[in-house]
Amino acid sequence: MKRFVPSLILSVFFLGLGACSSNTTIESDLGIDGAPAWVNEGTQAVDNDDGQLLHGVGMAPPMGDTSLQKSAADNRARAEIARILQTYVDSTLNDYTASVGDSAELNIEREIRTATKLAISGSRILGHWKHEETGDIYAFAELSIEAMDELIAKADNLSSAFKQYYDDNNKANFDRFVETTTQQ
């Protein structure tokens, strides 16, 4: 706990500096010397040569049990992916209901939330990093939006109209989502 507080204070300090900036684009950089780029960049949605991806970064302070600490960092990284994915799904669902009306919204929302939970379980932990000074362990998780696409396509209870809408608009929705999340 004693090591977590300085990290928290440092994070709040950097967020405060970012808030004072006149530029609305904030680069996510924790500035941890010697840390991999993914630690400093943090959780984000990306669209690159590897595909449409959600990256989640989780951190766990020393707990006395390295296995438990790694597991906690893994779970926090997955929770970060869940947070981003939920925002993306809500945005897509809002766009769909705006285009067709509220008639089937409840059923679609329930199915998408189920598909989202399944997709999150398909996220992969790609790496860990331990801060030598603090003992904090960071975990890096990744989820490909393709996994979500496949679950939507296979979902029995989703209407063919929603599946078609999702298929037709997914790329543009994700691009817009990446753009808005990188500007925040």
N, C-alpha and C. Protein backbone atom coordinates (compact mmCIF):
# COMPACT_ATOMS: atom_id res chain seq x y z
N MET A 1 0.83 -1.19 0.00
CA MET A 1 0.00 0.00 0.00
C MET A 1 0.87 1.25 0.00
N LYS A 2 2.00 1.21 0.74
CA LYS A 2 2.88 2.36 0.81
C LYS A 2 3.46 2.68 -0.56
N ARG A 3 3.68 1.67 -1.38
CA ARG A 3 4.24 1.88 -2.71
C ARG A 3 3.17 2.30 -3.71
N PHE A 4 1.94 1.95 -3.45
CA PHE A 4 0.84 2.29 -4.35
C PHE A 4 0.53 3.79 -4.29
N VAL A 5 0.61 4.39 -3.10
CA VAL A 5 0.25 5.79 -2.92
C VAL A 5 1.15 6.71 -3.75
N PRO A 6 2.50 6.55 -3.75
CA PRO A 6 3.31 7.42 -4.61
C PRO A 6 2.97 7.24 -6.09
N SER A 7 2.68 6.03 -6.52
CA SER A 7 2.30 5.81 -7.92
C SER A 7 1.00 6.53 -8.23
N LEU A 8 0.05 6.48 -7.31
CA LEU A 8 -1.23 7.16 -7.49
C LEU A 8 -1.02 8.67 -7.55
N ILE A 9 -0.21 9.19 -6.65
CA ILE A 9 0.05 10.63 -6.63
C ILE A 9 0.72 11.07 -7.92
N LEU A 10 1.67 10.28 -8.40
CA LEU A 10 2.36 10.58 -9.66
C LEU A 10 1.37 10.58 -10.82
N SER A 11 0.49 9.60 -10.84
CA SER A 11 -0.52 9.52 -11.91
C SER A 11 -1.44 10.74 -11.89
N VAL A 12 -1.90 11.13 -10.70
CA VAL A 12 -2.78 12.29 -10.57
C VAL A 12 -2.04 13.56 -11.01
N PHE A 13 -0.76 13.65 -10.67
CA PHE A 13 0.05 14.80 -11.07
C PHE A 13 0.11 14.92 -12.59
N PHE A 14 0.39 13.79 -13.27
CA PHE A 14 0.48 13.82 -14.73
C PHE A 14 -0.88 14.12 -15.36
N LEU A 15 -1.94 13.61 -14.78
CA LEU A 15 -3.28 13.93 -15.29
C LEU A 15 -3.56 15.42 -15.12
N GLY A 16 -3.14 15.98 -14.01
CA GLY A 16 -3.32 17.41 -13.77
C GLY A 16 -2.55 18.25 -14.77
N LEU A 17 -1.33 17.85 -15.08
CA LEU A 17 -0.56 18.56 -16.09
C LEU A 17 -1.25 18.51 -17.44
N GLY A 18 -1.79 17.35 -17.77
CA GLY A 18 -2.51 17.20 -19.04
C GLY A 18 -3.74 18.08 -19.09
N ALA A 19 -4.42 18.23 -17.97
CA ALA A 19 -5.63 19.06 -17.92
C ALA A 19 -5.30 20.53 -18.10
N CYS A 20 -4.10 20.94 -17.72
CA CYS A 20 -3.71 22.34 -17.87
C CYS A 20 -3.30 22.68 -19.29
N SER A 21 -3.06 21.71 -20.10
CA SER A 21 -2.63 21.92 -21.47
C SER A 21 -3.76 22.54 -22.29
N SER A 22 -3.38 23.41 -23.24
CA SER A 22 -4.39 24.01 -24.10
C SER A 22 -4.76 23.08 -25.25
N ASN A 23 -3.99 22.05 -25.50
CA ASN A 23 -4.25 21.10 -26.58
C ASN A 23 -5.23 20.04 -26.08
N THR A 24 -6.26 19.74 -26.87
CA THR A 24 -7.26 18.78 -26.42
C THR A 24 -6.81 17.34 -26.59
N THR A 25 -5.78 17.09 -27.40
CA THR A 25 -5.27 15.74 -27.57
C THR A 25 -4.28 15.45 -26.45
N ILE A 26 -4.55 14.42 -25.67
CA ILE A 26 -3.69 14.07 -24.54
C ILE A 26 -2.98 12.77 -24.85
N GLU A 27 -1.68 12.80 -24.87
CA GLU A 27 -0.90 11.58 -25.05
C GLU A 27 -0.87 10.85 -23.72
N SER A 28 -1.17 9.58 -23.76
CA SER A 28 -1.15 8.79 -22.54
C SER A 28 0.28 8.32 -22.32
N ASP A 29 0.96 8.93 -21.38
CA ASP A 29 2.32 8.54 -21.08
C ASP A 29 2.55 8.73 -19.59
N LEU A 30 2.65 7.62 -18.89
CA LEU A 30 2.87 7.70 -17.45
C LEU A 30 4.29 8.14 -17.11
N GLY A 31 5.20 8.03 -18.09
CA GLY A 31 6.56 8.47 -17.87
C GLY A 31 7.35 7.59 -16.92
N ILE A 32 7.03 6.32 -16.88
CA ILE A 32 7.76 5.41 -16.00
C ILE A 32 9.04 4.98 -16.73
N ASP A 33 10.18 5.41 -16.21
CA ASP A 33 11.46 5.10 -16.83
C ASP A 33 11.70 3.60 -16.87
N GLY A 34 12.13 3.12 -18.03
CA GLY A 34 12.45 1.71 -18.19
C GLY A 34 11.26 0.81 -18.45
N ALA A 35 10.06 1.38 -18.42
CA ALA A 35 8.85 0.58 -18.66
C ALA A 35 8.64 0.38 -20.15
N PRO A 36 8.04 -0.75 -20.52
CA PRO A 36 7.69 -0.95 -21.93
C PRO A 36 6.70 0.12 -22.38
N ALA A 37 6.67 0.37 -23.67
CA ALA A 37 5.77 1.39 -24.22
C ALA A 37 4.32 1.13 -23.83
N TRP A 38 3.90 -0.14 -23.80
CA TRP A 38 2.50 -0.44 -23.50
C TRP A 38 2.12 -0.04 -22.08
N VAL A 39 3.06 -0.05 -21.16
CA VAL A 39 2.77 0.39 -19.79
C VAL A 39 2.50 1.89 -19.79
N ASN A 40 3.38 2.63 -20.45
CA ASN A 40 3.24 4.09 -20.48
C ASN A 40 2.06 4.55 -21.33
N GLU A 41 1.73 3.82 -22.38
CA GLU A 41 0.61 4.21 -23.24
C GLU A 41 -0.74 3.89 -22.61
N GLY A 42 -0.81 2.83 -21.84
CA GLY A 42 -2.04 2.49 -21.13
C GLY A 42 -3.10 1.87 -22.01
N THR A 43 -4.30 1.80 -21.48
CA THR A 43 -5.44 1.18 -22.14
C THR A 43 -5.89 2.03 -23.32
N GLN A 44 -6.15 1.36 -24.45
CA GLN A 44 -6.57 2.10 -25.64
C GLN A 44 -7.17 1.20 -26.70
N ALA A 45 -7.88 1.83 -27.62
CA ALA A 45 -8.39 1.15 -28.81
C ALA A 45 -7.46 1.54 -29.95
N VAL A 46 -7.04 0.56 -30.74
CA VAL A 46 -6.12 0.84 -31.85
C VAL A 46 -6.61 0.16 -33.13
N ASP A 47 -6.28 0.77 -34.23
CA ASP A 47 -6.56 0.21 -35.55
C ASP A 47 -5.26 0.30 -36.32
N ASN A 48 -4.58 -0.84 -36.46
CA ASN A 48 -3.29 -0.84 -37.14
C ASN A 48 -3.18 -2.06 -38.05
N ASP A 49 -1.96 -2.37 -38.48
CA ASP A 49 -1.75 -3.51 -39.39
C ASP A 49 -2.16 -4.84 -38.78
N ASP A 50 -2.19 -4.92 -37.45
CA ASP A 50 -2.59 -6.15 -36.77
C ASP A 50 -4.11 -6.29 -36.66
N GLY A 51 -4.85 -5.24 -36.99
CA GLY A 51 -6.31 -5.28 -36.95
C GLY A 51 -6.88 -4.25 -36.01
N GLN A 52 -8.18 -4.40 -35.74
CA GLN A 52 -8.88 -3.54 -34.79
C GLN A 52 -8.76 -4.21 -33.43
N LEU A 53 -8.08 -3.53 -32.51
CA LEU A 53 -7.73 -4.16 -31.24
C LEU A 53 -8.07 -3.26 -30.06
N LEU A 54 -8.37 -3.90 -28.96
CA LEU A 54 -8.50 -3.21 -27.68
C LEU A 54 -7.35 -3.68 -26.81
N HIS A 55 -6.60 -2.73 -26.27
CA HIS A 55 -5.48 -3.04 -25.38
C HIS A 55 -5.84 -2.59 -23.98
N GLY A 56 -5.69 -3.49 -23.04
CA GLY A 56 -5.96 -3.17 -21.64
C GLY A 56 -4.70 -3.35 -20.82
N VAL A 57 -4.43 -2.40 -19.96
CA VAL A 57 -3.27 -2.47 -19.07
C VAL A 57 -3.77 -2.43 -17.64
N GLY A 58 -3.37 -3.42 -16.86
CA GLY A 58 -3.75 -3.48 -15.46
C GLY A 58 -2.51 -3.52 -14.58
N MET A 59 -2.62 -2.99 -13.38
CA MET A 59 -1.50 -2.96 -12.45
C MET A 59 -1.95 -3.50 -11.10
N ALA A 60 -1.06 -4.25 -10.47
CA ALA A 60 -1.32 -4.74 -9.12
C ALA A 60 -0.09 -4.46 -8.26
N PRO A 61 -0.30 -3.88 -7.08
CA PRO A 61 0.81 -3.63 -6.17
C PRO A 61 1.27 -4.93 -5.53
N PRO A 62 2.43 -4.92 -4.89
CA PRO A 62 2.91 -6.13 -4.22
C PRO A 62 1.88 -6.66 -3.21
N MET A 63 1.71 -7.98 -3.22
CA MET A 63 0.71 -8.61 -2.35
C MET A 63 1.30 -9.72 -1.49
N GLY A 64 2.58 -9.97 -1.64
CA GLY A 64 3.19 -11.05 -0.88
C GLY A 64 3.14 -12.39 -1.58
N ASP A 65 2.33 -12.50 -2.61
CA ASP A 65 2.19 -13.72 -3.40
C ASP A 65 2.23 -13.31 -4.87
N THR A 66 3.34 -13.61 -5.55
CA THR A 66 3.53 -13.18 -6.93
C THR A 66 2.46 -13.71 -7.85
N SER A 67 2.05 -14.94 -7.65
CA SER A 67 1.01 -15.53 -8.50
C SER A 67 -0.31 -14.77 -8.35
N LEU A 68 -0.67 -14.46 -7.13
CA LEU A 68 -1.89 -13.69 -6.87
C LEU A 68 -1.77 -12.29 -7.46
N GLN A 69 -0.60 -11.69 -7.33
CA GLN A 69 -0.37 -10.35 -7.85
C GLN A 69 -0.51 -10.33 -9.38
N LYS A 70 0.07 -11.33 -10.06
CA LYS A 70 -0.05 -11.42 -11.52
C LYS A 70 -1.50 -11.64 -11.93
N SER A 71 -2.19 -12.47 -11.20
CA SER A 71 -3.60 -12.74 -11.50
C SER A 71 -4.43 -11.47 -11.33
N ALA A 72 -4.14 -10.69 -10.30
CA ALA A 72 -4.87 -9.43 -10.08
C ALA A 72 -4.59 -8.45 -11.21
N ALA A 73 -3.33 -8.36 -11.64
CA ALA A 73 -2.98 -7.47 -12.76
C ALA A 73 -3.68 -7.93 -14.04
N ASP A 74 -3.72 -9.25 -14.27
CA ASP A 74 -4.41 -9.80 -15.45
C ASP A 74 -5.89 -9.43 -15.42
N ASN A 75 -6.53 -9.62 -14.27
CA ASN A 75 -7.96 -9.31 -14.14
C ASN A 75 -8.23 -7.83 -14.35
N ARG A 76 -7.34 -6.99 -13.88
CA ARG A 76 -7.52 -5.54 -14.06
C ARG A 76 -7.32 -5.15 -15.52
N ALA A 77 -6.40 -5.81 -16.21
CA ALA A 77 -6.21 -5.54 -17.64
C ALA A 77 -7.46 -5.94 -18.42
N ARG A 78 -8.02 -7.09 -18.08
CA ARG A 78 -9.26 -7.53 -18.74
C ARG A 78 -10.43 -6.59 -18.41
N ALA A 79 -10.45 -6.09 -17.18
CA ALA A 79 -11.50 -5.14 -16.80
C ALA A 79 -11.39 -3.85 -17.60
N GLU A 80 -10.18 -3.44 -17.91
CA GLU A 80 -9.98 -2.26 -18.76
C GLU A 80 -10.52 -2.51 -20.16
N ILE A 81 -10.28 -3.71 -20.69
CA ILE A 81 -10.84 -4.06 -22.00
C ILE A 81 -12.36 -4.05 -21.93
N ALA A 82 -12.91 -4.60 -20.87
CA ALA A 82 -14.37 -4.63 -20.71
C ALA A 82 -14.94 -3.21 -20.69
N ARG A 83 -14.25 -2.31 -20.03
CA ARG A 83 -14.70 -0.92 -19.94
C ARG A 83 -14.73 -0.27 -21.33
N ILE A 84 -13.68 -0.45 -22.10
CA ILE A 84 -13.63 0.11 -23.45
C ILE A 84 -14.67 -0.55 -24.35
N LEU A 85 -14.74 -1.88 -24.28
CA LEU A 85 -15.67 -2.62 -25.13
C LEU A 85 -17.11 -2.22 -24.83
N GLN A 86 -17.43 -2.01 -23.57
CA GLN A 86 -18.79 -1.61 -23.21
C GLN A 86 -19.13 -0.26 -23.82
N THR A 87 -18.19 0.67 -23.80
CA THR A 87 -18.40 1.98 -24.41
C THR A 87 -18.62 1.84 -25.91
N TYR A 88 -17.82 1.00 -26.55
CA TYR A 88 -17.94 0.78 -28.00
C TYR A 88 -19.29 0.14 -28.33
N VAL A 89 -19.68 -0.87 -27.57
CA VAL A 89 -20.95 -1.56 -27.81
C VAL A 89 -22.13 -0.61 -27.59
N ASP A 90 -22.08 0.18 -26.53
CA ASP A 90 -23.15 1.15 -26.27
C ASP A 90 -23.28 2.14 -27.42
N SER A 91 -22.16 2.59 -27.94
CA SER A 91 -22.17 3.52 -29.07
C SER A 91 -22.80 2.88 -30.30
N THR A 92 -22.41 1.63 -30.59
CA THR A 92 -22.96 0.92 -31.75
C THR A 92 -24.45 0.69 -31.58
N LEU A 93 -24.86 0.28 -30.39
CA LEU A 93 -26.27 0.03 -30.13
C LEU A 93 -27.09 1.31 -30.25
N ASN A 94 -26.56 2.41 -29.74
CA ASN A 94 -27.26 3.70 -29.85
C ASN A 94 -27.42 4.11 -31.31
N ASP A 95 -26.37 3.89 -32.11
CA ASP A 95 -26.46 4.21 -33.53
C ASP A 95 -27.52 3.36 -34.22
N TYR A 96 -27.57 2.08 -33.87
CA TYR A 96 -28.54 1.18 -34.50
C TYR A 96 -29.97 1.57 -34.13
N THR A 97 -30.22 1.78 -32.85
CA THR A 97 -31.59 2.11 -32.44
C THR A 97 -32.02 3.46 -32.99
N ALA A 98 -31.07 4.37 -33.18
CA ALA A 98 -31.41 5.65 -33.79
C ALA A 98 -31.82 5.47 -35.25
N SER A 99 -31.25 4.46 -35.90
CA SER A 99 -31.56 4.25 -37.31
C SER A 99 -32.84 3.45 -37.54
N VAL A 100 -33.24 2.59 -36.58
CA VAL A 100 -34.42 1.74 -36.80
C VAL A 100 -35.53 1.95 -35.77
N GLY A 101 -35.27 2.67 -34.73
CA GLY A 101 -36.27 2.84 -33.67
C GLY A 101 -36.00 1.90 -32.52
N ASP A 102 -36.78 2.03 -31.45
CA ASP A 102 -36.54 1.29 -30.21
C ASP A 102 -37.19 -0.09 -30.15
N SER A 103 -37.79 -0.55 -31.21
CA SER A 103 -38.64 -1.75 -31.15
C SER A 103 -37.94 -2.99 -30.61
N ALA A 104 -36.75 -3.27 -31.06
CA ALA A 104 -36.09 -4.51 -30.64
C ALA A 104 -34.89 -4.25 -29.75
N GLU A 105 -34.79 -3.06 -29.20
CA GLU A 105 -33.61 -2.67 -28.46
C GLU A 105 -33.30 -3.57 -27.28
N LEU A 106 -34.28 -3.92 -26.47
CA LEU A 106 -34.03 -4.71 -25.26
C LEU A 106 -33.44 -6.07 -25.58
N ASN A 107 -34.02 -6.78 -26.54
CA ASN A 107 -33.51 -8.09 -26.91
C ASN A 107 -32.09 -7.99 -27.47
N ILE A 108 -31.86 -7.02 -28.32
CA ILE A 108 -30.54 -6.84 -28.92
C ILE A 108 -29.52 -6.48 -27.84
N GLU A 109 -29.90 -5.58 -26.95
CA GLU A 109 -28.99 -5.18 -25.88
C GLU A 109 -28.59 -6.37 -25.02
N ARG A 110 -29.54 -7.22 -24.67
CA ARG A 110 -29.26 -8.40 -23.86
C ARG A 110 -28.28 -9.33 -24.59
N GLU A 111 -28.54 -9.57 -25.87
CA GLU A 111 -27.68 -10.46 -26.65
C GLU A 111 -26.27 -9.90 -26.82
N ILE A 112 -26.18 -8.60 -27.05
CA ILE A 112 -24.87 -7.99 -27.23
C ILE A 112 -24.08 -8.04 -25.93
N ARG A 113 -24.73 -7.81 -24.82
CA ARG A 113 -24.03 -7.88 -23.53
C ARG A 113 -23.52 -9.30 -23.27
N THR A 114 -24.30 -10.30 -23.65
CA THR A 114 -23.84 -11.68 -23.53
C THR A 114 -22.65 -11.93 -24.44
N ALA A 115 -22.74 -11.46 -25.67
CA ALA A 115 -21.63 -11.62 -26.62
C ALA A 115 -20.39 -10.88 -26.13
N THR A 116 -20.58 -9.72 -25.51
CA THR A 116 -19.47 -8.95 -24.97
C THR A 116 -18.75 -9.72 -23.88
N LYS A 117 -19.51 -10.33 -22.98
CA LYS A 117 -18.90 -11.13 -21.91
C LYS A 117 -18.10 -12.29 -22.49
N LEU A 118 -18.66 -12.94 -23.51
CA LEU A 118 -17.94 -14.03 -24.16
C LEU A 118 -16.67 -13.53 -24.83
N ALA A 119 -16.76 -12.39 -25.48
CA ALA A 119 -15.59 -11.83 -26.17
C ALA A 119 -14.49 -11.50 -25.17
N ILE A 120 -14.85 -10.92 -24.04
CA ILE A 120 -13.86 -10.57 -23.03
C ILE A 120 -13.14 -11.82 -22.53
N SER A 121 -13.87 -12.90 -22.41
CA SER A 121 -13.22 -14.14 -21.97
C SER A 121 -12.21 -14.61 -23.01
N GLY A 122 -12.33 -14.13 -24.24
CA GLY A 122 -11.39 -14.48 -25.29
C GLY A 122 -10.19 -13.54 -25.36
N SER A 123 -10.13 -12.56 -24.46
CA SER A 123 -8.97 -11.67 -24.47
C SER A 123 -7.75 -12.45 -24.01
N ARG A 124 -6.60 -12.02 -24.51
CA ARG A 124 -5.35 -12.72 -24.21
C ARG A 124 -4.41 -11.82 -23.43
N ILE A 125 -3.75 -12.39 -22.45
CA ILE A 125 -2.70 -11.67 -21.74
C ILE A 125 -1.42 -11.89 -22.55
N LEU A 126 -0.86 -10.80 -23.06
CA LEU A 126 0.31 -10.90 -23.92
C LEU A 126 1.63 -10.66 -23.21
N GLY A 127 1.57 -10.08 -22.02
CA GLY A 127 2.83 -9.84 -21.34
C GLY A 127 2.65 -9.26 -19.95
N HIS A 128 3.74 -9.31 -19.22
CA HIS A 128 3.81 -8.74 -17.87
C HIS A 128 5.09 -7.93 -17.76
N TRP A 129 5.08 -6.97 -16.87
CA TRP A 129 6.29 -6.21 -16.56
C TRP A 129 6.26 -5.87 -15.09
N LYS A 130 7.40 -6.03 -14.43
CA LYS A 130 7.50 -5.72 -13.00
C LYS A 130 8.39 -4.51 -12.81
N HIS A 131 7.88 -3.53 -12.12
CA HIS A 131 8.64 -2.33 -11.79
C HIS A 131 9.57 -2.70 -10.65
N GLU A 132 10.85 -2.64 -10.91
CA GLU A 132 11.83 -3.12 -9.92
C GLU A 132 11.84 -2.30 -8.63
N GLU A 133 11.59 -1.01 -8.72
CA GLU A 133 11.63 -0.16 -7.52
C GLU A 133 10.39 -0.33 -6.65
N THR A 134 9.22 -0.41 -7.27
CA THR A 134 7.97 -0.46 -6.49
C THR A 134 7.45 -1.88 -6.29
N GLY A 135 7.87 -2.80 -7.17
CA GLY A 135 7.35 -4.17 -7.12
C GLY A 135 6.00 -4.33 -7.79
N ASP A 136 5.45 -3.23 -8.35
CA ASP A 136 4.17 -3.31 -9.06
C ASP A 136 4.32 -4.20 -10.29
N ILE A 137 3.30 -5.00 -10.56
CA ILE A 137 3.28 -5.83 -11.77
C ILE A 137 2.20 -5.29 -12.69
N TYR A 138 2.57 -5.11 -13.95
CA TYR A 138 1.65 -4.64 -14.98
C TYR A 138 1.35 -5.80 -15.92
N ALA A 139 0.12 -5.88 -16.37
CA ALA A 139 -0.29 -6.90 -17.34
C ALA A 139 -0.84 -6.21 -18.58
N PHE A 140 -0.57 -6.81 -19.73
CA PHE A 140 -1.04 -6.28 -21.01
C PHE A 140 -1.97 -7.30 -21.65
N ALA A 141 -3.23 -6.91 -21.83
CA ALA A 141 -4.23 -7.79 -22.44
C ALA A 141 -4.65 -7.22 -23.79
N GLU A 142 -5.05 -8.12 -24.68
CA GLU A 142 -5.48 -7.69 -26.01
C GLU A 142 -6.73 -8.45 -26.41
N LEU A 143 -7.64 -7.74 -27.06
CA LEU A 143 -8.83 -8.35 -27.63
C LEU A 143 -9.00 -7.83 -29.04
N SER A 144 -9.14 -8.75 -29.97
CA SER A 144 -9.39 -8.39 -31.35
C SER A 144 -10.89 -8.19 -31.54
N ILE A 145 -11.25 -7.12 -32.21
CA ILE A 145 -12.66 -6.86 -32.49
C ILE A 145 -13.23 -7.97 -33.39
N GLU A 146 -12.38 -8.66 -34.12
CA GLU A 146 -12.84 -9.79 -34.94
C GLU A 146 -13.55 -10.83 -34.08
N ALA A 147 -13.08 -11.04 -32.86
CA ALA A 147 -13.73 -12.00 -31.96
C ALA A 147 -15.16 -11.56 -31.67
N MET A 148 -15.34 -10.26 -31.45
CA MET A 148 -16.69 -9.73 -31.22
C MET A 148 -17.53 -9.88 -32.48
N ASP A 149 -16.94 -9.60 -33.63
CA ASP A 149 -17.66 -9.74 -34.91
C ASP A 149 -18.18 -11.16 -35.10
N GLU A 150 -17.33 -12.14 -34.80
CA GLU A 150 -17.72 -13.55 -34.96
C GLU A 150 -18.86 -13.92 -34.02
N LEU A 151 -18.81 -13.43 -32.78
CA LEU A 151 -19.88 -13.73 -31.83
C LEU A 151 -21.20 -13.09 -32.25
N ILE A 152 -21.14 -11.88 -32.78
CA ILE A 152 -22.36 -11.22 -33.27
C ILE A 152 -22.93 -12.03 -34.43
N ALA A 153 -22.08 -12.46 -35.35
CA ALA A 153 -22.54 -13.21 -36.52
C ALA A 153 -23.18 -14.54 -36.12
N LYS A 154 -22.68 -15.17 -35.06
CA LYS A 154 -23.18 -16.48 -34.64
C LYS A 154 -24.36 -16.41 -33.66
N ALA A 155 -24.63 -15.24 -33.12
CA ALA A 155 -25.70 -15.10 -32.12
C ALA A 155 -27.05 -15.44 -32.73
N ASP A 156 -27.74 -16.39 -32.12
CA ASP A 156 -29.04 -16.85 -32.63
C ASP A 156 -30.16 -15.84 -32.42
N ASN A 157 -30.12 -15.12 -31.32
CA ASN A 157 -31.25 -14.26 -30.96
C ASN A 157 -31.19 -12.86 -31.55
N LEU A 158 -30.13 -12.54 -32.28
CA LEU A 158 -30.05 -11.22 -32.88
C LEU A 158 -30.77 -11.22 -34.22
N SER A 159 -31.46 -10.15 -34.50
CA SER A 159 -32.18 -10.06 -35.77
C SER A 159 -31.19 -9.97 -36.93
N SER A 160 -31.63 -10.44 -38.06
CA SER A 160 -30.78 -10.36 -39.25
C SER A 160 -30.55 -8.89 -39.62
N ALA A 161 -31.53 -8.03 -39.32
CA ALA A 161 -31.37 -6.60 -39.61
C ALA A 161 -30.23 -6.00 -38.78
N PHE A 162 -30.17 -6.38 -37.49
CA PHE A 162 -29.08 -5.86 -36.66
C PHE A 162 -27.74 -6.41 -37.12
N LYS A 163 -27.69 -7.71 -37.42
CA LYS A 163 -26.44 -8.31 -37.88
C LYS A 163 -25.95 -7.61 -39.15
N GLN A 164 -26.88 -7.32 -40.05
CA GLN A 164 -26.51 -6.63 -41.29
C GLN A 164 -26.02 -5.22 -40.99
N TYR A 165 -26.72 -4.52 -40.10
CA TYR A 165 -26.31 -3.16 -39.71
C TYR A 165 -24.90 -3.20 -39.11
N TYR A 166 -24.69 -4.14 -38.19
CA TYR A 166 -23.38 -4.25 -37.53
C TYR A 166 -22.29 -4.53 -38.56
N ASP A 167 -22.54 -5.46 -39.45
CA ASP A 167 -21.57 -5.83 -40.48
C ASP A 167 -21.26 -4.65 -41.39
N ASP A 168 -22.28 -3.92 -41.79
CA ASP A 168 -22.11 -2.79 -42.70
C ASP A 168 -21.40 -1.60 -42.05
N ASN A 169 -21.60 -1.42 -40.75
CA ASN A 169 -21.13 -0.20 -40.09
C ASN A 169 -19.99 -0.40 -39.10
N ASN A 170 -19.59 -1.63 -38.85
CA ASN A 170 -18.60 -1.90 -37.81
C ASN A 170 -17.29 -1.15 -38.04
N LYS A 171 -16.75 -1.20 -39.24
CA LYS A 171 -15.46 -0.57 -39.53
C LYS A 171 -15.54 0.94 -39.27
N ALA A 172 -16.56 1.58 -39.81
CA ALA A 172 -16.71 3.03 -39.62
C ALA A 172 -16.94 3.37 -38.15
N ASN A 173 -17.76 2.58 -37.46
CA ASN A 173 -18.01 2.82 -36.04
C ASN A 173 -16.74 2.69 -35.23
N PHE A 174 -15.93 1.66 -35.52
CA PHE A 174 -14.70 1.46 -34.77
C PHE A 174 -13.71 2.59 -35.06
N ASP A 175 -13.59 2.98 -36.33
CA ASP A 175 -12.69 4.09 -36.68
C ASP A 175 -13.09 5.36 -35.94
N ARG A 176 -14.38 5.65 -35.90
CA ARG A 176 -14.87 6.84 -35.19
C ARG A 176 -14.60 6.70 -33.69
N PHE A 177 -14.79 5.49 -33.17
CA PHE A 177 -14.55 5.23 -31.75
C PHE A 177 -13.07 5.44 -31.41
N VAL A 178 -12.17 4.92 -32.24
CA VAL A 178 -10.73 5.10 -32.00
C VAL A 178 -10.38 6.58 -32.03
N GLU A 179 -10.94 7.30 -32.99
CA GLU A 179 -10.66 8.72 -33.12
C GLU A 179 -11.12 9.49 -31.88
N THR A 180 -12.31 9.20 -31.39
CA THR A 180 -12.82 9.93 -30.23
C THR A 180 -12.07 9.55 -28.95
N THR A 181 -11.65 8.29 -28.83
CA THR A 181 -10.94 7.89 -27.60
C THR A 181 -9.52 8.44 -27.59
N THR A 182 -8.90 8.63 -28.75
CA THR A 182 -7.55 9.18 -28.76
C THR A 182 -7.56 10.68 -28.56
N GLN A 183 -8.70 11.33 -28.76
CA GLN A 183 -8.79 12.77 -28.55
C GLN A 183 -9.14 13.12 -27.11
N GLN A 184 -9.49 12.15 -26.31
CA GLN A 184 -9.89 12.43 -24.92
C GLN A 184 -8.70 12.42 -24.02
